[in-house]
Amino acid sequence: MIEVEISGFGKKNVTVNKEGNTVILDDISWNIEKKEHNIFIISGNNKLFEAYLTSIDSDRKKMTWQINGQYLEIKITSSIDKLLSDLGISSIGKQKINEIKAPMPGLIRKILIHPGDILDPGSPVLILEAMKMENIIKSPPIEVKVKKVLVEEGKTVEKGSVMILFE
C-alpha cells in the first residue's frame, strides 16, 4: 500500500493498492496497460483514457502524466518513506552544497541563473568555454537557492574559483 499525492485536478491525497496491472484508487479499480514506450491505456469505472507519462523523477519519487490534455503530478510515498519521515531519518544522506567552483580555467560565455532562483537538481547554471569547447555547468543533485553569482559573462575564471553561492 502506498500513498499518492496528486496535483493537477486539485491536490488530493489517496491511498493506492496495486495488484498486477490493477490499481485501486478511491475504491475504484483501474486497469493500466502499456501501449507504447510512454503511452498507457487506463480503463475503469466505465471510462477509458490514453495517458502519456511525460517525466519521471525517481529521486523525488514524482511522475508527470498528461491525461485528456491535463497534466498531473503524482508524488508517491511508500510505508517505508512514511516511517523514515516519522522517525526523522528521511533527510539523512542529503548533502548541503554551498557553492559551485570552476572545474577548469575558462571564459564565462553565458549565465543562466539569477540570485533568488530556486534550482531543480541538475539545472544548467552557466556556460563555461574551455579549450574551445562550451561546457554546461549544472546545479548540484539537490534543490538549491541561488544566493550570489560571483562571475560575469565575458570574464575568465581560474580552476577552483567559486562561481556561484547557494543559501
N, C-alpha and C. Protein backbone atom coordinates (compact mmCIF):
# COMPACT_ATOMS: atom_id res chain seq x y z
N MET A 1 0.84 -1.18 0.00
CA MET A 1 0.00 0.00 0.00
C MET A 1 0.89 1.25 0.00
N ILE A 2 0.54 2.19 -0.86
CA ILE A 2 1.29 3.44 -0.95
C ILE A 2 0.33 4.62 -0.87
N GLU A 3 0.87 5.77 -0.48
CA GLU A 3 0.09 7.00 -0.51
C GLU A 3 0.53 7.78 -1.73
N VAL A 4 -0.43 8.41 -2.38
CA VAL A 4 -0.15 9.17 -3.59
C VAL A 4 -0.73 10.56 -3.42
N GLU A 5 0.08 11.56 -3.73
CA GLU A 5 -0.39 12.95 -3.74
C GLU A 5 -0.50 13.36 -5.19
N ILE A 6 -1.69 13.78 -5.60
CA ILE A 6 -1.95 14.13 -6.99
C ILE A 6 -2.20 15.63 -7.08
N SER A 7 -1.45 16.32 -7.93
CA SER A 7 -1.68 17.73 -8.20
C SER A 7 -2.06 17.85 -9.66
N GLY A 8 -3.07 18.63 -9.94
CA GLY A 8 -3.49 18.81 -11.32
C GLY A 8 -4.99 18.93 -11.44
N PHE A 9 -5.71 17.99 -10.83
CA PHE A 9 -7.17 18.08 -10.78
C PHE A 9 -7.56 18.61 -9.40
N GLY A 10 -6.70 19.41 -8.80
CA GLY A 10 -6.88 19.79 -7.41
C GLY A 10 -6.05 18.82 -6.58
N LYS A 11 -5.37 19.33 -5.57
CA LYS A 11 -4.49 18.48 -4.78
C LYS A 11 -5.30 17.45 -4.02
N LYS A 12 -4.83 16.23 -4.05
CA LYS A 12 -5.58 15.14 -3.45
C LYS A 12 -4.61 14.09 -2.93
N ASN A 13 -4.81 13.65 -1.72
CA ASN A 13 -4.02 12.55 -1.16
C ASN A 13 -4.89 11.32 -1.14
N VAL A 14 -4.40 10.23 -1.68
CA VAL A 14 -5.16 8.99 -1.72
C VAL A 14 -4.25 7.82 -1.37
N THR A 15 -4.88 6.74 -0.93
CA THR A 15 -4.15 5.51 -0.68
C THR A 15 -4.41 4.59 -1.86
N VAL A 16 -3.34 3.97 -2.33
CA VAL A 16 -3.42 3.15 -3.54
C VAL A 16 -2.95 1.74 -3.22
N ASN A 17 -3.70 0.76 -3.71
CA ASN A 17 -3.26 -0.63 -3.66
C ASN A 17 -3.05 -1.07 -5.10
N LYS A 18 -1.95 -1.77 -5.34
CA LYS A 18 -1.64 -2.22 -6.70
C LYS A 18 -1.53 -3.73 -6.70
N GLU A 19 -2.21 -4.34 -7.65
CA GLU A 19 -2.15 -5.79 -7.83
C GLU A 19 -1.98 -6.05 -9.32
N GLY A 20 -0.77 -6.38 -9.74
CA GLY A 20 -0.51 -6.60 -11.16
C GLY A 20 -0.71 -5.32 -11.93
N ASN A 21 -1.58 -5.36 -12.96
CA ASN A 21 -1.88 -4.16 -13.76
C ASN A 21 -3.06 -3.38 -13.22
N THR A 22 -3.59 -3.80 -12.06
CA THR A 22 -4.77 -3.14 -11.49
C THR A 22 -4.35 -2.26 -10.32
N VAL A 23 -4.88 -1.04 -10.34
CA VAL A 23 -4.64 -0.08 -9.26
C VAL A 23 -6.00 0.27 -8.68
N ILE A 24 -6.12 0.15 -7.35
CA ILE A 24 -7.37 0.52 -6.68
C ILE A 24 -7.18 1.91 -6.08
N LEU A 25 -7.96 2.86 -6.60
CA LEU A 25 -7.85 4.27 -6.22
C LEU A 25 -9.24 4.75 -5.82
N ASP A 26 -9.38 5.18 -4.58
CA ASP A 26 -10.69 5.61 -4.08
C ASP A 26 -11.75 4.53 -4.30
N ASP A 27 -11.41 3.29 -3.98
CA ASP A 27 -12.32 2.14 -4.10
C ASP A 27 -12.76 1.84 -5.54
N ILE A 28 -12.09 2.41 -6.51
CA ILE A 28 -12.38 2.11 -7.92
C ILE A 28 -11.17 1.40 -8.51
N SER A 29 -11.41 0.27 -9.16
CA SER A 29 -10.33 -0.48 -9.80
C SER A 29 -10.05 0.09 -11.18
N TRP A 30 -8.79 0.40 -11.42
CA TRP A 30 -8.36 0.92 -12.72
C TRP A 30 -7.34 -0.06 -13.29
N ASN A 31 -7.53 -0.44 -14.53
CA ASN A 31 -6.59 -1.31 -15.21
C ASN A 31 -5.64 -0.43 -16.03
N ILE A 32 -4.35 -0.67 -15.90
CA ILE A 32 -3.35 0.13 -16.63
C ILE A 32 -2.56 -0.81 -17.53
N GLU A 33 -2.64 -0.56 -18.83
CA GLU A 33 -1.92 -1.36 -19.82
C GLU A 33 -0.97 -0.47 -20.60
N LYS A 34 0.26 -0.93 -20.78
CA LYS A 34 1.24 -0.18 -21.56
C LYS A 34 0.94 -0.38 -23.04
N LYS A 35 0.80 0.74 -23.76
CA LYS A 35 0.52 0.68 -25.20
C LYS A 35 1.82 0.80 -25.99
N GLU A 36 2.60 1.81 -25.66
CA GLU A 36 3.91 2.05 -26.29
C GLU A 36 4.87 2.47 -25.19
N HIS A 37 6.03 3.00 -25.61
CA HIS A 37 7.09 3.36 -24.67
C HIS A 37 6.59 4.16 -23.48
N ASN A 38 5.92 5.28 -23.70
CA ASN A 38 5.45 6.11 -22.59
C ASN A 38 3.95 6.41 -22.69
N ILE A 39 3.24 5.56 -23.40
CA ILE A 39 1.80 5.73 -23.57
C ILE A 39 1.09 4.54 -22.92
N PHE A 40 0.08 4.86 -22.10
CA PHE A 40 -0.66 3.84 -21.37
C PHE A 40 -2.15 4.01 -21.61
N ILE A 41 -2.89 2.91 -21.54
CA ILE A 41 -4.35 2.93 -21.60
C ILE A 41 -4.84 2.64 -20.19
N ILE A 42 -5.67 3.54 -19.66
CA ILE A 42 -6.22 3.38 -18.32
C ILE A 42 -7.73 3.20 -18.47
N SER A 43 -8.25 2.11 -17.90
CA SER A 43 -9.68 1.85 -18.00
C SER A 43 -10.23 1.48 -16.64
N GLY A 44 -11.47 1.89 -16.42
CA GLY A 44 -12.16 1.57 -15.17
C GLY A 44 -13.33 2.52 -14.97
N ASN A 45 -14.30 2.10 -14.15
CA ASN A 45 -15.45 2.94 -13.85
C ASN A 45 -16.16 3.38 -15.14
N ASN A 46 -16.22 2.46 -16.12
CA ASN A 46 -16.84 2.72 -17.43
C ASN A 46 -16.19 3.88 -18.18
N LYS A 47 -14.90 4.09 -17.96
CA LYS A 47 -14.17 5.16 -18.64
C LYS A 47 -12.89 4.59 -19.23
N LEU A 48 -12.40 5.26 -20.28
CA LEU A 48 -11.17 4.84 -20.95
C LEU A 48 -10.35 6.09 -21.24
N PHE A 49 -9.07 6.07 -20.84
CA PHE A 49 -8.18 7.21 -21.04
C PHE A 49 -6.89 6.74 -21.69
N GLU A 50 -6.34 7.61 -22.53
CA GLU A 50 -4.98 7.41 -23.03
C GLU A 50 -4.11 8.36 -22.22
N ALA A 51 -3.10 7.83 -21.55
CA ALA A 51 -2.26 8.63 -20.66
C ALA A 51 -0.82 8.61 -21.16
N TYR A 52 -0.18 9.77 -21.11
CA TYR A 52 1.21 9.92 -21.52
C TYR A 52 2.06 10.18 -20.29
N LEU A 53 3.05 9.35 -20.07
CA LEU A 53 4.00 9.57 -18.99
C LEU A 53 5.04 10.53 -19.52
N THR A 54 4.99 11.81 -19.08
CA THR A 54 5.86 12.83 -19.65
C THR A 54 7.20 12.95 -18.94
N SER A 55 7.24 12.64 -17.63
CA SER A 55 8.53 12.69 -16.93
C SER A 55 8.49 11.85 -15.66
N ILE A 56 9.67 11.38 -15.27
CA ILE A 56 9.85 10.63 -14.03
C ILE A 56 11.06 11.21 -13.31
N ASP A 57 10.89 11.54 -12.03
CA ASP A 57 11.99 11.97 -11.17
C ASP A 57 12.08 10.92 -10.06
N SER A 58 12.91 9.91 -10.27
CA SER A 58 12.97 8.80 -9.32
C SER A 58 13.55 9.21 -7.97
N ASP A 59 14.44 10.21 -7.94
CA ASP A 59 14.98 10.67 -6.66
C ASP A 59 13.90 11.26 -5.78
N ARG A 60 13.00 12.01 -6.37
CA ARG A 60 11.92 12.66 -5.61
C ARG A 60 10.64 11.84 -5.60
N LYS A 61 10.66 10.70 -6.29
CA LYS A 61 9.50 9.82 -6.41
C LYS A 61 8.30 10.58 -6.96
N LYS A 62 8.53 11.29 -8.08
CA LYS A 62 7.47 12.05 -8.73
C LYS A 62 7.37 11.65 -10.19
N MET A 63 6.14 11.67 -10.70
CA MET A 63 5.88 11.42 -12.11
C MET A 63 4.94 12.51 -12.62
N THR A 64 5.08 12.85 -13.89
CA THR A 64 4.13 13.77 -14.51
C THR A 64 3.46 13.03 -15.66
N TRP A 65 2.13 13.09 -15.66
CA TRP A 65 1.31 12.43 -16.67
C TRP A 65 0.48 13.47 -17.39
N GLN A 66 0.17 13.22 -18.65
CA GLN A 66 -0.79 14.02 -19.38
C GLN A 66 -1.97 13.11 -19.70
N ILE A 67 -3.13 13.49 -19.16
CA ILE A 67 -4.35 12.71 -19.36
C ILE A 67 -5.45 13.67 -19.81
N ASN A 68 -6.04 13.41 -20.98
CA ASN A 68 -7.09 14.27 -21.53
C ASN A 68 -6.66 15.73 -21.57
N GLY A 69 -5.43 16.00 -21.94
CA GLY A 69 -4.95 17.37 -22.09
C GLY A 69 -4.56 18.05 -20.79
N GLN A 70 -4.75 17.38 -19.65
CA GLN A 70 -4.38 17.98 -18.37
C GLN A 70 -3.14 17.27 -17.83
N TYR A 71 -2.28 18.05 -17.17
CA TYR A 71 -1.07 17.49 -16.58
C TYR A 71 -1.32 17.18 -15.11
N LEU A 72 -0.89 16.00 -14.70
CA LEU A 72 -0.99 15.58 -13.31
C LEU A 72 0.40 15.29 -12.79
N GLU A 73 0.73 15.81 -11.63
CA GLU A 73 1.98 15.44 -10.98
C GLU A 73 1.62 14.50 -9.84
N ILE A 74 2.26 13.36 -9.81
CA ILE A 74 1.97 12.34 -8.82
C ILE A 74 3.22 12.10 -8.00
N LYS A 75 3.11 12.28 -6.69
CA LYS A 75 4.20 12.02 -5.75
C LYS A 75 3.84 10.78 -4.96
N ILE A 76 4.75 9.83 -4.92
CA ILE A 76 4.49 8.54 -4.28
C ILE A 76 5.24 8.46 -2.96
N THR A 77 4.54 8.04 -1.91
CA THR A 77 5.15 7.84 -0.60
C THR A 77 4.83 6.42 -0.15
N SER A 78 5.86 5.60 0.02
CA SER A 78 5.64 4.23 0.47
C SER A 78 5.55 4.22 1.99
N SER A 79 5.15 3.10 2.55
CA SER A 79 5.07 2.98 4.00
C SER A 79 6.46 3.13 4.64
N ILE A 80 7.50 2.71 3.94
CA ILE A 80 8.87 2.87 4.46
C ILE A 80 9.26 4.35 4.46
N ASP A 81 8.91 5.08 3.39
CA ASP A 81 9.19 6.52 3.34
C ASP A 81 8.50 7.23 4.51
N LYS A 82 7.24 6.86 4.76
CA LYS A 82 6.47 7.48 5.83
C LYS A 82 7.10 7.17 7.19
N LEU A 83 7.49 5.93 7.40
CA LEU A 83 8.12 5.54 8.66
C LEU A 83 9.42 6.30 8.88
N LEU A 84 10.26 6.38 7.86
CA LEU A 84 11.52 7.11 7.97
C LEU A 84 11.28 8.58 8.28
N SER A 85 10.28 9.16 7.63
CA SER A 85 9.95 10.56 7.87
C SER A 85 9.46 10.76 9.31
N ASP A 86 8.61 9.86 9.79
CA ASP A 86 8.10 9.94 11.17
C ASP A 86 9.24 9.83 12.18
N LEU A 87 10.27 9.05 11.84
CA LEU A 87 11.42 8.89 12.73
C LEU A 87 12.45 10.01 12.56
N GLY A 88 12.21 10.89 11.59
CA GLY A 88 13.14 11.99 11.36
C GLY A 88 14.41 11.58 10.65
N ILE A 89 14.35 10.46 9.95
CA ILE A 89 15.54 9.93 9.28
C ILE A 89 15.56 10.26 7.80
N SER A 90 14.47 10.74 7.25
CA SER A 90 14.37 10.89 5.80
C SER A 90 15.37 11.86 5.22
N SER A 91 15.87 12.79 5.99
CA SER A 91 16.82 13.76 5.43
C SER A 91 18.27 13.32 5.56
N ILE A 92 18.52 12.20 6.22
CA ILE A 92 19.90 11.71 6.31
C ILE A 92 20.37 11.34 4.92
N GLY A 93 21.57 11.72 4.58
CA GLY A 93 22.11 11.43 3.26
C GLY A 93 21.95 12.58 2.30
N LYS A 94 21.10 13.56 2.63
CA LYS A 94 21.00 14.73 1.79
C LYS A 94 22.17 15.64 2.14
N GLN A 95 22.91 16.00 1.15
CA GLN A 95 24.08 16.81 1.40
C GLN A 95 23.75 18.29 1.21
N LYS A 96 24.48 19.11 1.93
CA LYS A 96 24.33 20.56 1.83
C LYS A 96 25.47 21.03 0.93
N ILE A 97 25.10 21.71 -0.15
CA ILE A 97 26.09 22.22 -1.08
C ILE A 97 25.97 23.73 -1.09
N ASN A 98 27.08 24.42 -0.82
CA ASN A 98 27.05 25.87 -0.68
C ASN A 98 27.57 26.63 -1.89
N GLU A 99 28.24 25.95 -2.82
CA GLU A 99 28.87 26.68 -3.91
C GLU A 99 29.15 25.79 -5.10
N ILE A 100 29.41 26.46 -6.23
CA ILE A 100 29.93 25.77 -7.42
C ILE A 100 31.26 26.43 -7.73
N LYS A 101 32.28 25.59 -7.88
CA LYS A 101 33.62 26.07 -8.25
C LYS A 101 33.88 25.73 -9.71
N ALA A 102 34.74 26.52 -10.32
CA ALA A 102 35.12 26.28 -11.71
C ALA A 102 35.91 24.97 -11.80
N PRO A 103 35.46 24.02 -12.62
CA PRO A 103 36.16 22.75 -12.74
C PRO A 103 37.44 22.85 -13.56
N MET A 104 37.59 23.98 -14.27
CA MET A 104 38.75 24.20 -15.14
C MET A 104 38.83 25.70 -15.43
N PRO A 105 39.98 26.19 -15.86
CA PRO A 105 40.03 27.60 -16.25
C PRO A 105 39.24 27.80 -17.54
N GLY A 106 38.65 28.98 -17.68
CA GLY A 106 37.89 29.23 -18.90
C GLY A 106 37.22 30.58 -18.91
N LEU A 107 36.40 30.79 -19.93
CA LEU A 107 35.69 32.04 -20.16
C LEU A 107 34.20 31.81 -19.91
N ILE A 108 33.58 32.70 -19.12
CA ILE A 108 32.15 32.61 -18.86
C ILE A 108 31.42 33.13 -20.09
N ARG A 109 30.75 32.24 -20.82
CA ARG A 109 30.04 32.62 -22.03
C ARG A 109 28.64 33.14 -21.71
N LYS A 110 27.91 32.43 -20.84
CA LYS A 110 26.53 32.80 -20.55
C LYS A 110 26.17 32.37 -19.14
N ILE A 111 25.50 33.26 -18.39
CA ILE A 111 24.98 32.94 -17.07
C ILE A 111 23.47 32.73 -17.22
N LEU A 112 22.99 31.59 -16.76
CA LEU A 112 21.60 31.20 -16.98
C LEU A 112 20.70 31.36 -15.75
N ILE A 113 21.26 31.86 -14.64
CA ILE A 113 20.52 31.97 -13.39
C ILE A 113 20.68 33.36 -12.79
N HIS A 114 19.89 33.64 -11.76
CA HIS A 114 19.96 34.91 -11.05
C HIS A 114 19.85 34.66 -9.54
N PRO A 115 20.37 35.57 -8.72
CA PRO A 115 20.18 35.42 -7.27
C PRO A 115 18.69 35.31 -6.94
N GLY A 116 18.38 34.39 -6.02
CA GLY A 116 16.99 34.17 -5.63
C GLY A 116 16.33 33.02 -6.37
N ASP A 117 16.91 32.59 -7.49
CA ASP A 117 16.34 31.47 -8.24
C ASP A 117 16.44 30.19 -7.41
N ILE A 118 15.40 29.38 -7.46
CA ILE A 118 15.43 28.05 -6.85
C ILE A 118 15.63 27.06 -7.98
N LEU A 119 16.71 26.30 -7.89
CA LEU A 119 17.11 25.41 -8.97
C LEU A 119 16.76 23.97 -8.69
N ASP A 120 16.21 23.30 -9.69
CA ASP A 120 15.98 21.87 -9.60
C ASP A 120 17.32 21.16 -9.73
N PRO A 121 17.42 19.95 -9.22
CA PRO A 121 18.68 19.21 -9.35
C PRO A 121 19.13 19.09 -10.80
N GLY A 122 20.39 19.40 -11.05
CA GLY A 122 20.97 19.25 -12.38
C GLY A 122 20.58 20.31 -13.39
N SER A 123 20.03 21.44 -12.92
CA SER A 123 19.66 22.53 -13.84
C SER A 123 20.91 23.22 -14.37
N PRO A 124 20.91 23.64 -15.63
CA PRO A 124 22.06 24.39 -16.16
C PRO A 124 22.16 25.75 -15.45
N VAL A 125 23.39 26.12 -15.04
CA VAL A 125 23.58 27.42 -14.37
C VAL A 125 24.41 28.39 -15.21
N LEU A 126 25.38 27.86 -15.94
CA LEU A 126 26.18 28.73 -16.79
C LEU A 126 26.91 27.92 -17.84
N ILE A 127 27.43 28.65 -18.85
CA ILE A 127 28.22 28.01 -19.90
C ILE A 127 29.64 28.52 -19.78
N LEU A 128 30.57 27.59 -19.60
CA LEU A 128 31.98 27.89 -19.43
C LEU A 128 32.73 27.37 -20.65
N GLU A 129 33.41 28.28 -21.37
CA GLU A 129 34.19 27.86 -22.52
C GLU A 129 35.61 27.57 -22.07
N ALA A 130 36.07 26.37 -22.40
CA ALA A 130 37.43 25.96 -22.06
C ALA A 130 37.97 25.12 -23.20
N MET A 131 39.16 25.40 -23.64
CA MET A 131 39.81 24.68 -24.73
C MET A 131 38.91 24.61 -25.96
N LYS A 132 38.28 25.74 -26.30
CA LYS A 132 37.42 25.91 -27.47
C LYS A 132 36.17 25.03 -27.44
N MET A 133 35.79 24.59 -26.24
CA MET A 133 34.56 23.81 -26.08
C MET A 133 33.67 24.50 -25.06
N GLU A 134 32.36 24.49 -25.33
CA GLU A 134 31.40 25.05 -24.38
C GLU A 134 30.96 23.94 -23.44
N ASN A 135 31.11 24.19 -22.14
CA ASN A 135 30.73 23.23 -21.11
C ASN A 135 29.57 23.79 -20.32
N ILE A 136 28.49 23.02 -20.22
CA ILE A 136 27.34 23.45 -19.43
C ILE A 136 27.60 23.02 -17.99
N ILE A 137 27.68 24.00 -17.11
CA ILE A 137 27.86 23.74 -15.68
C ILE A 137 26.47 23.64 -15.07
N LYS A 138 26.23 22.56 -14.34
CA LYS A 138 24.89 22.31 -13.80
C LYS A 138 24.86 22.46 -12.29
N SER A 139 23.64 22.65 -11.76
CA SER A 139 23.45 22.77 -10.31
C SER A 139 23.66 21.40 -9.65
N PRO A 140 23.82 21.40 -8.33
CA PRO A 140 24.03 20.13 -7.61
C PRO A 140 22.82 19.20 -7.72
N PRO A 141 22.99 17.94 -7.29
CA PRO A 141 21.91 16.96 -7.41
C PRO A 141 20.82 17.11 -6.35
N ILE A 142 20.71 18.29 -5.76
CA ILE A 142 19.64 18.59 -4.81
C ILE A 142 19.07 19.96 -5.15
N GLU A 143 17.87 20.26 -4.67
CA GLU A 143 17.28 21.57 -4.91
C GLU A 143 18.05 22.61 -4.09
N VAL A 144 18.42 23.73 -4.73
CA VAL A 144 19.17 24.79 -4.06
C VAL A 144 18.61 26.16 -4.45
N LYS A 145 18.90 27.16 -3.60
CA LYS A 145 18.51 28.54 -3.90
C LYS A 145 19.77 29.35 -4.12
N VAL A 146 19.81 30.11 -5.22
CA VAL A 146 20.99 30.90 -5.58
C VAL A 146 21.09 32.10 -4.63
N LYS A 147 22.23 32.21 -3.96
CA LYS A 147 22.48 33.34 -3.08
C LYS A 147 23.17 34.47 -3.83
N LYS A 148 24.23 34.10 -4.57
CA LYS A 148 25.02 35.13 -5.25
C LYS A 148 25.74 34.52 -6.45
N VAL A 149 25.80 35.30 -7.53
CA VAL A 149 26.57 34.93 -8.72
C VAL A 149 27.84 35.76 -8.68
N LEU A 150 28.99 35.09 -8.60
CA LEU A 150 30.27 35.78 -8.42
C LEU A 150 31.04 35.98 -9.71
N VAL A 151 30.50 35.55 -10.83
CA VAL A 151 31.19 35.67 -12.11
C VAL A 151 30.38 36.56 -13.04
N GLU A 152 31.03 37.01 -14.12
CA GLU A 152 30.36 37.85 -15.11
C GLU A 152 30.59 37.26 -16.50
N GLU A 153 29.60 37.44 -17.37
CA GLU A 153 29.75 36.99 -18.75
C GLU A 153 30.92 37.74 -19.39
N GLY A 154 31.72 37.00 -20.16
CA GLY A 154 32.84 37.61 -20.86
C GLY A 154 34.12 37.66 -20.03
N LYS A 155 34.07 37.29 -18.77
CA LYS A 155 35.25 37.28 -17.89
C LYS A 155 35.79 35.86 -17.76
N THR A 156 37.06 35.77 -17.43
CA THR A 156 37.69 34.45 -17.25
C THR A 156 37.68 34.05 -15.78
N VAL A 157 37.77 32.74 -15.57
CA VAL A 157 37.87 32.19 -14.23
C VAL A 157 39.03 31.21 -14.18
N GLU A 158 39.59 31.06 -13.02
CA GLU A 158 40.65 30.07 -12.80
C GLU A 158 40.04 28.80 -12.23
N LYS A 159 40.69 27.68 -12.44
CA LYS A 159 40.23 26.42 -11.88
C LYS A 159 40.12 26.54 -10.37
N GLY A 160 38.96 26.10 -9.83
CA GLY A 160 38.77 26.12 -8.39
C GLY A 160 38.18 27.39 -7.83
N SER A 161 38.04 28.43 -8.67
CA SER A 161 37.46 29.67 -8.14
C SER A 161 35.95 29.50 -7.99
N VAL A 162 35.41 30.10 -6.92
CA VAL A 162 33.98 29.98 -6.62
C VAL A 162 33.21 30.85 -7.62
N MET A 163 32.21 30.25 -8.27
CA MET A 163 31.41 30.98 -9.28
C MET A 163 30.03 31.31 -8.77
N ILE A 164 29.40 30.39 -8.03
CA ILE A 164 28.02 30.55 -7.58
C ILE A 164 27.96 30.17 -6.09
N LEU A 165 27.22 30.98 -5.30
CA LEU A 165 26.97 30.64 -3.89
C LEU A 165 25.50 30.30 -3.72
N PHE A 166 25.22 29.31 -2.88
CA PHE A 166 23.84 28.89 -2.58
C PHE A 166 23.53 29.17 -1.12
N GLU A 167 22.23 29.34 -0.85
CA GLU A 167 21.79 29.54 0.55
C GLU A 167 21.70 28.21 1.25
